[in-house]
Amino acid sequence: MNFVKVAENKFGAKKKKAVSLKAKKAYKGLIITDAKKAHWYKFKNKKVHKVKITVTSNLCNGSSLGGLRVTAYGKKGKIGSKIIYADAASSSFTLYTVGKGSKLAKGTYYLKVESYNGGNGYFTVKWK
């Protein structure tokens, strides 16, 4: 058995306390099963362009059905969600605004990272 020391970056426990993500910088977090604690992050999209969210995880779970849920929110509510299962090391998804093609409109967006179906472990999240 290998143990890994994980140094978490700051995160918000609630949406209004979300920590700002800088573009292309990875932020580390730790998810514990049944902790009922989500990690909140926000980022400001300063121009209309393609935005890619990447989550890399190292999850330990008894089954491949658990993992992380990453949900993105805009000014009008939820705009997308992705589940990263324990058997997947990394996942990326693109956020877009309807009517802008594959691009995301200017504005402030929020990301919520939480345990899904008992998933636990550490992760990194970044956007570009």
N, C-alpha and C. Protein backbone atom coordinates (compact mmCIF):
# COMPACT_ATOMS: atom_id res chain seq x y z
N MET A 1 0.84 -1.17 0.00
CA MET A 1 0.00 0.00 0.00
C MET A 1 0.90 1.24 0.00
N ASN A 2 0.58 2.18 -0.86
CA ASN A 2 1.32 3.43 -0.94
C ASN A 2 0.47 4.57 -0.37
N PHE A 3 1.11 5.41 0.42
CA PHE A 3 0.44 6.59 0.95
C PHE A 3 0.98 7.81 0.23
N VAL A 4 0.09 8.74 -0.06
CA VAL A 4 0.46 9.95 -0.77
C VAL A 4 0.05 11.16 0.06
N LYS A 5 0.98 12.07 0.28
CA LYS A 5 0.66 13.30 0.99
C LYS A 5 0.01 14.26 0.00
N VAL A 6 -1.14 14.80 0.37
CA VAL A 6 -1.86 15.72 -0.50
C VAL A 6 -1.96 17.08 0.19
N ALA A 7 -1.49 18.10 -0.48
CA ALA A 7 -1.61 19.46 0.03
C ALA A 7 -2.75 20.14 -0.72
N GLU A 8 -3.85 20.40 -0.02
CA GLU A 8 -5.00 21.04 -0.65
C GLU A 8 -4.77 22.53 -0.83
N ASN A 9 -5.29 23.06 -1.92
CA ASN A 9 -5.36 24.51 -2.08
C ASN A 9 -6.62 24.98 -1.36
N LYS A 10 -6.72 26.27 -1.15
CA LYS A 10 -7.93 26.81 -0.54
C LYS A 10 -9.12 26.56 -1.46
N PHE A 11 -10.28 26.40 -0.85
CA PHE A 11 -11.52 26.24 -1.59
C PHE A 11 -12.65 26.82 -0.77
N GLY A 12 -13.75 27.10 -1.40
CA GLY A 12 -14.92 27.59 -0.69
C GLY A 12 -15.83 26.45 -0.31
N ALA A 13 -16.34 26.47 0.90
CA ALA A 13 -17.27 25.44 1.34
C ALA A 13 -18.69 25.74 0.87
N LYS A 14 -18.93 26.99 0.46
CA LYS A 14 -20.23 27.40 -0.07
C LYS A 14 -19.99 28.26 -1.30
N LYS A 15 -21.01 28.38 -2.12
CA LYS A 15 -20.88 29.12 -3.37
C LYS A 15 -20.41 30.56 -3.14
N LYS A 16 -20.96 31.23 -2.16
CA LYS A 16 -20.59 32.63 -1.94
C LYS A 16 -19.17 32.77 -1.38
N LYS A 17 -18.56 31.67 -0.97
CA LYS A 17 -17.18 31.68 -0.46
C LYS A 17 -16.20 31.05 -1.47
N ALA A 18 -16.65 30.86 -2.71
CA ALA A 18 -15.85 30.20 -3.74
C ALA A 18 -14.50 30.90 -3.95
N VAL A 19 -13.47 30.10 -4.16
CA VAL A 19 -12.12 30.61 -4.39
C VAL A 19 -11.91 30.78 -5.89
N SER A 20 -11.28 31.88 -6.28
CA SER A 20 -11.05 32.18 -7.70
C SER A 20 -9.96 31.28 -8.28
N LEU A 21 -10.26 30.70 -9.44
CA LEU A 21 -9.29 29.90 -10.19
C LEU A 21 -8.63 30.78 -11.23
N LYS A 22 -7.33 30.70 -11.33
CA LYS A 22 -6.62 31.40 -12.40
C LYS A 22 -6.51 30.44 -13.58
N ALA A 23 -6.60 30.98 -14.77
CA ALA A 23 -6.55 30.15 -15.98
C ALA A 23 -5.24 29.37 -16.03
N LYS A 24 -5.33 28.12 -16.46
CA LYS A 24 -4.21 27.20 -16.69
C LYS A 24 -3.47 26.78 -15.43
N LYS A 25 -3.94 27.15 -14.24
CA LYS A 25 -3.31 26.74 -13.00
C LYS A 25 -4.15 25.64 -12.36
N ALA A 26 -3.51 24.57 -11.93
CA ALA A 26 -4.21 23.44 -11.31
C ALA A 26 -4.38 23.68 -9.81
N TYR A 27 -5.56 23.37 -9.31
CA TYR A 27 -5.88 23.50 -7.89
C TYR A 27 -6.21 22.11 -7.35
N LYS A 28 -5.62 21.76 -6.21
CA LYS A 28 -5.78 20.43 -5.63
C LYS A 28 -6.83 20.43 -4.54
N GLY A 29 -7.55 19.31 -4.44
CA GLY A 29 -8.55 19.16 -3.41
C GLY A 29 -8.65 17.71 -2.95
N LEU A 30 -9.29 17.50 -1.84
CA LEU A 30 -9.45 16.18 -1.25
C LEU A 30 -10.92 15.98 -0.92
N ILE A 31 -11.48 14.89 -1.40
CA ILE A 31 -12.89 14.56 -1.16
C ILE A 31 -12.94 13.34 -0.25
N ILE A 32 -13.72 13.45 0.82
CA ILE A 32 -13.88 12.34 1.76
C ILE A 32 -15.32 11.86 1.67
N THR A 33 -15.50 10.54 1.62
CA THR A 33 -16.84 9.96 1.51
C THR A 33 -17.75 10.44 2.62
N ASP A 34 -18.96 10.76 2.27
CA ASP A 34 -20.02 11.16 3.21
C ASP A 34 -19.67 12.38 4.06
N ALA A 35 -18.70 13.18 3.63
CA ALA A 35 -18.35 14.38 4.40
C ALA A 35 -19.37 15.49 4.16
N LYS A 36 -20.19 15.35 3.13
CA LYS A 36 -21.20 16.35 2.76
C LYS A 36 -20.56 17.72 2.52
N LYS A 37 -19.29 17.71 2.17
CA LYS A 37 -18.56 18.95 1.94
C LYS A 37 -18.19 19.03 0.47
N ALA A 38 -18.65 20.08 -0.17
CA ALA A 38 -18.31 20.30 -1.57
C ALA A 38 -17.21 21.36 -1.65
N HIS A 39 -16.47 21.34 -2.73
CA HIS A 39 -15.45 22.33 -2.99
C HIS A 39 -16.01 23.29 -4.04
N TRP A 40 -16.03 24.58 -3.74
CA TRP A 40 -16.54 25.59 -4.66
C TRP A 40 -15.40 26.44 -5.19
N TYR A 41 -15.40 26.64 -6.50
CA TYR A 41 -14.42 27.48 -7.17
C TYR A 41 -15.17 28.41 -8.13
N LYS A 42 -14.55 29.51 -8.48
CA LYS A 42 -15.15 30.40 -9.48
C LYS A 42 -14.05 30.87 -10.42
N PHE A 43 -14.47 31.25 -11.63
CA PHE A 43 -13.54 31.84 -12.57
C PHE A 43 -14.26 32.88 -13.40
N LYS A 44 -13.50 33.87 -13.85
CA LYS A 44 -14.07 34.94 -14.67
C LYS A 44 -13.62 34.76 -16.10
N ASN A 45 -14.59 34.59 -16.97
CA ASN A 45 -14.33 34.48 -18.39
C ASN A 45 -14.43 35.90 -18.96
N LYS A 46 -13.29 36.45 -19.36
CA LYS A 46 -13.24 37.86 -19.76
C LYS A 46 -13.55 38.12 -21.23
N LYS A 47 -13.62 37.04 -22.03
CA LYS A 47 -13.99 37.20 -23.44
C LYS A 47 -14.73 35.96 -23.89
N VAL A 48 -15.45 36.08 -24.98
CA VAL A 48 -16.18 34.94 -25.53
C VAL A 48 -15.17 34.02 -26.20
N HIS A 49 -14.98 32.84 -25.65
CA HIS A 49 -14.05 31.87 -26.24
C HIS A 49 -14.35 30.47 -25.72
N LYS A 50 -13.67 29.49 -26.27
CA LYS A 50 -13.85 28.10 -25.86
C LYS A 50 -13.21 27.91 -24.48
N VAL A 51 -13.95 27.33 -23.54
CA VAL A 51 -13.46 27.09 -22.19
C VAL A 51 -13.49 25.60 -21.91
N LYS A 52 -12.33 25.07 -21.54
CA LYS A 52 -12.19 23.64 -21.26
C LYS A 52 -11.86 23.46 -19.77
N ILE A 53 -12.63 22.61 -19.10
CA ILE A 53 -12.41 22.27 -17.71
C ILE A 53 -11.79 20.88 -17.68
N THR A 54 -10.68 20.73 -16.95
CA THR A 54 -10.02 19.43 -16.83
C THR A 54 -9.95 19.05 -15.36
N VAL A 55 -10.39 17.83 -15.06
CA VAL A 55 -10.30 17.30 -13.69
C VAL A 55 -9.52 16.01 -13.76
N THR A 56 -8.43 15.97 -13.00
CA THR A 56 -7.61 14.77 -12.89
C THR A 56 -7.81 14.24 -11.48
N SER A 57 -8.06 12.95 -11.36
CA SER A 57 -8.35 12.43 -10.02
C SER A 57 -7.57 11.16 -9.73
N ASN A 58 -7.39 10.92 -8.46
CA ASN A 58 -6.84 9.67 -7.96
C ASN A 58 -7.79 9.24 -6.86
N LEU A 59 -8.79 8.49 -7.23
CA LEU A 59 -9.86 8.13 -6.31
C LEU A 59 -9.68 6.72 -5.79
N CYS A 60 -10.05 6.53 -4.53
CA CYS A 60 -10.05 5.18 -3.96
C CYS A 60 -11.47 4.89 -3.53
N ASN A 61 -12.01 3.87 -4.10
CA ASN A 61 -13.39 3.52 -3.81
C ASN A 61 -13.54 2.02 -3.99
N GLY A 62 -14.42 1.43 -3.22
CA GLY A 62 -14.62 0.00 -3.29
C GLY A 62 -15.19 -0.49 -4.60
N SER A 63 -15.84 0.38 -5.35
CA SER A 63 -16.41 -0.04 -6.63
C SER A 63 -16.13 1.03 -7.67
N SER A 64 -16.32 0.67 -8.93
CA SER A 64 -16.10 1.63 -10.01
C SER A 64 -17.31 2.56 -10.20
N LEU A 65 -18.33 2.41 -9.38
CA LEU A 65 -19.53 3.23 -9.51
C LEU A 65 -19.43 4.57 -8.79
N GLY A 66 -18.46 4.71 -7.90
CA GLY A 66 -18.28 5.97 -7.18
C GLY A 66 -17.35 6.89 -7.93
N GLY A 67 -17.33 8.15 -7.55
CA GLY A 67 -16.44 9.09 -8.21
C GLY A 67 -16.68 10.50 -7.74
N LEU A 68 -16.44 11.46 -8.63
CA LEU A 68 -16.64 12.87 -8.36
C LEU A 68 -17.69 13.42 -9.31
N ARG A 69 -18.45 14.38 -8.83
CA ARG A 69 -19.37 15.11 -9.70
C ARG A 69 -18.88 16.56 -9.75
N VAL A 70 -18.68 17.04 -10.97
CA VAL A 70 -18.28 18.43 -11.18
C VAL A 70 -19.45 19.12 -11.87
N THR A 71 -19.98 20.16 -11.24
CA THR A 71 -21.12 20.89 -11.77
C THR A 71 -20.73 22.34 -12.00
N ALA A 72 -21.08 22.86 -13.16
CA ALA A 72 -20.78 24.25 -13.51
C ALA A 72 -22.06 25.07 -13.43
N TYR A 73 -21.93 26.28 -12.89
CA TYR A 73 -23.05 27.19 -12.75
C TYR A 73 -22.71 28.54 -13.37
N GLY A 74 -23.69 29.12 -14.02
CA GLY A 74 -23.57 30.47 -14.55
C GLY A 74 -24.50 31.38 -13.80
N LYS A 75 -24.72 32.55 -14.33
CA LYS A 75 -25.56 33.54 -13.67
C LYS A 75 -27.02 33.07 -13.56
N LYS A 76 -27.46 32.23 -14.50
CA LYS A 76 -28.86 31.77 -14.49
C LYS A 76 -29.03 30.36 -13.95
N GLY A 77 -27.99 29.81 -13.31
CA GLY A 77 -28.11 28.47 -12.73
C GLY A 77 -27.17 27.47 -13.37
N LYS A 78 -27.50 26.21 -13.20
CA LYS A 78 -26.65 25.10 -13.67
C LYS A 78 -26.53 25.10 -15.19
N ILE A 79 -25.28 24.98 -15.67
CA ILE A 79 -25.08 24.95 -17.13
C ILE A 79 -24.45 23.64 -17.60
N GLY A 80 -24.04 22.79 -16.67
CA GLY A 80 -23.49 21.51 -17.07
C GLY A 80 -22.98 20.72 -15.89
N SER A 81 -22.86 19.41 -16.08
CA SER A 81 -22.37 18.54 -15.02
C SER A 81 -21.64 17.35 -15.64
N LYS A 82 -20.65 16.86 -14.93
CA LYS A 82 -19.87 15.71 -15.42
C LYS A 82 -19.54 14.84 -14.22
N ILE A 83 -19.67 13.52 -14.38
CA ILE A 83 -19.29 12.58 -13.34
C ILE A 83 -18.00 11.89 -13.78
N ILE A 84 -17.02 11.89 -12.89
CA ILE A 84 -15.75 11.21 -13.16
C ILE A 84 -15.72 10.00 -12.24
N TYR A 85 -15.79 8.82 -12.84
CA TYR A 85 -15.82 7.59 -12.06
C TYR A 85 -14.43 7.21 -11.56
N ALA A 86 -14.39 6.40 -10.50
CA ALA A 86 -13.13 6.02 -9.85
C ALA A 86 -12.17 5.33 -10.82
N ASP A 87 -12.68 4.65 -11.83
CA ASP A 87 -11.80 3.95 -12.76
C ASP A 87 -11.27 4.85 -13.88
N ALA A 88 -11.63 6.12 -13.88
CA ALA A 88 -11.13 7.07 -14.88
C ALA A 88 -10.14 8.01 -14.21
N ALA A 89 -8.97 8.17 -14.78
CA ALA A 89 -7.94 9.00 -14.16
C ALA A 89 -8.15 10.48 -14.44
N SER A 90 -8.76 10.81 -15.57
CA SER A 90 -8.89 12.21 -15.95
C SER A 90 -10.12 12.38 -16.84
N SER A 91 -10.65 13.58 -16.80
CA SER A 91 -11.79 13.87 -17.65
C SER A 91 -11.79 15.36 -17.98
N SER A 92 -12.20 15.69 -19.18
CA SER A 92 -12.30 17.09 -19.60
C SER A 92 -13.67 17.31 -20.21
N PHE A 93 -14.15 18.53 -20.08
CA PHE A 93 -15.40 18.89 -20.75
C PHE A 93 -15.34 20.36 -21.10
N THR A 94 -16.12 20.73 -22.11
CA THR A 94 -16.14 22.10 -22.61
C THR A 94 -17.46 22.76 -22.22
N LEU A 95 -17.36 23.96 -21.68
CA LEU A 95 -18.55 24.74 -21.35
C LEU A 95 -18.86 25.67 -22.51
N TYR A 96 -20.14 25.85 -22.79
CA TYR A 96 -20.52 26.75 -23.87
C TYR A 96 -21.84 27.44 -23.53
N THR A 97 -22.11 28.51 -24.22
CA THR A 97 -23.36 29.25 -24.06
C THR A 97 -24.18 29.06 -25.33
N VAL A 98 -25.45 28.70 -25.18
CA VAL A 98 -26.33 28.51 -26.32
C VAL A 98 -26.36 29.81 -27.14
N GLY A 99 -26.17 29.67 -28.43
CA GLY A 99 -26.15 30.83 -29.31
C GLY A 99 -24.75 31.35 -29.59
N LYS A 100 -23.75 30.81 -28.89
CA LYS A 100 -22.36 31.25 -29.09
C LYS A 100 -21.52 30.16 -29.75
N GLY A 101 -22.18 29.14 -30.30
CA GLY A 101 -21.45 28.02 -30.88
C GLY A 101 -20.84 27.18 -29.77
N SER A 102 -19.55 26.89 -29.87
CA SER A 102 -18.88 26.09 -28.84
C SER A 102 -18.13 26.99 -27.86
N LYS A 103 -18.55 28.25 -27.75
CA LYS A 103 -17.85 29.22 -26.91
C LYS A 103 -18.70 29.61 -25.70
N LEU A 104 -18.01 30.07 -24.68
CA LEU A 104 -18.66 30.49 -23.45
C LEU A 104 -18.70 32.02 -23.38
N ALA A 105 -19.85 32.56 -23.03
CA ALA A 105 -20.02 34.01 -22.93
C ALA A 105 -19.20 34.58 -21.77
N LYS A 106 -18.96 35.89 -21.82
CA LYS A 106 -18.26 36.57 -20.72
C LYS A 106 -19.09 36.45 -19.46
N GLY A 107 -18.40 36.42 -18.31
CA GLY A 107 -19.10 36.39 -17.03
C GLY A 107 -18.35 35.58 -15.99
N THR A 108 -18.96 35.51 -14.82
CA THR A 108 -18.39 34.73 -13.72
C THR A 108 -19.11 33.39 -13.65
N TYR A 109 -18.33 32.34 -13.54
CA TYR A 109 -18.86 30.97 -13.50
C TYR A 109 -18.34 30.26 -12.26
N TYR A 110 -19.11 29.30 -11.78
CA TYR A 110 -18.78 28.57 -10.57
C TYR A 110 -18.66 27.09 -10.87
N LEU A 111 -17.74 26.42 -10.17
CA LEU A 111 -17.59 24.97 -10.27
C LEU A 111 -17.77 24.38 -8.88
N LYS A 112 -18.56 23.33 -8.80
CA LYS A 112 -18.78 22.62 -7.54
C LYS A 112 -18.25 21.20 -7.73
N VAL A 113 -17.31 20.78 -6.89
CA VAL A 113 -16.75 19.43 -6.95
C VAL A 113 -17.18 18.72 -5.68
N GLU A 114 -17.83 17.55 -5.84
CA GLU A 114 -18.33 16.82 -4.69
C GLU A 114 -18.24 15.32 -4.92
N SER A 115 -18.37 14.57 -3.83
CA SER A 115 -18.36 13.11 -3.91
C SER A 115 -19.61 12.63 -4.64
N TYR A 116 -19.45 11.59 -5.44
CA TYR A 116 -20.60 10.99 -6.11
C TYR A 116 -20.62 9.51 -5.77
N ASN A 117 -21.71 9.04 -5.20
CA ASN A 117 -21.92 7.63 -4.91
C ASN A 117 -20.76 7.03 -4.10
N GLY A 118 -20.30 7.76 -3.09
CA GLY A 118 -19.25 7.25 -2.19
C GLY A 118 -17.83 7.44 -2.67
N GLY A 119 -17.63 8.18 -3.74
CA GLY A 119 -16.27 8.40 -4.24
C GLY A 119 -15.46 9.24 -3.27
N ASN A 120 -14.18 8.93 -3.15
CA ASN A 120 -13.29 9.70 -2.29
C ASN A 120 -11.87 9.63 -2.83
N GLY A 121 -11.07 10.61 -2.48
CA GLY A 121 -9.69 10.68 -2.94
C GLY A 121 -9.32 12.12 -3.22
N TYR A 122 -8.25 12.30 -3.99
CA TYR A 122 -7.86 13.67 -4.29
C TYR A 122 -7.99 13.96 -5.78
N PHE A 123 -8.01 15.25 -6.10
CA PHE A 123 -8.23 15.67 -7.48
C PHE A 123 -7.50 16.98 -7.74
N THR A 124 -7.34 17.30 -9.00
CA THR A 124 -6.90 18.63 -9.43
C THR A 124 -7.92 19.13 -10.44
N VAL A 125 -8.17 20.42 -10.43
CA VAL A 125 -9.11 21.02 -11.37
C VAL A 125 -8.46 22.26 -11.95
N LYS A 126 -8.64 22.46 -13.26
CA LYS A 126 -8.15 23.68 -13.90
C LYS A 126 -9.01 24.01 -15.10
N TRP A 127 -8.89 25.24 -15.56
CA TRP A 127 -9.64 25.67 -16.74
C TRP A 127 -8.70 26.46 -17.65
N LYS A 128 -9.02 26.43 -18.94
CA LYS A 128 -8.26 27.25 -19.90
C LYS A 128 -9.15 27.62 -21.05
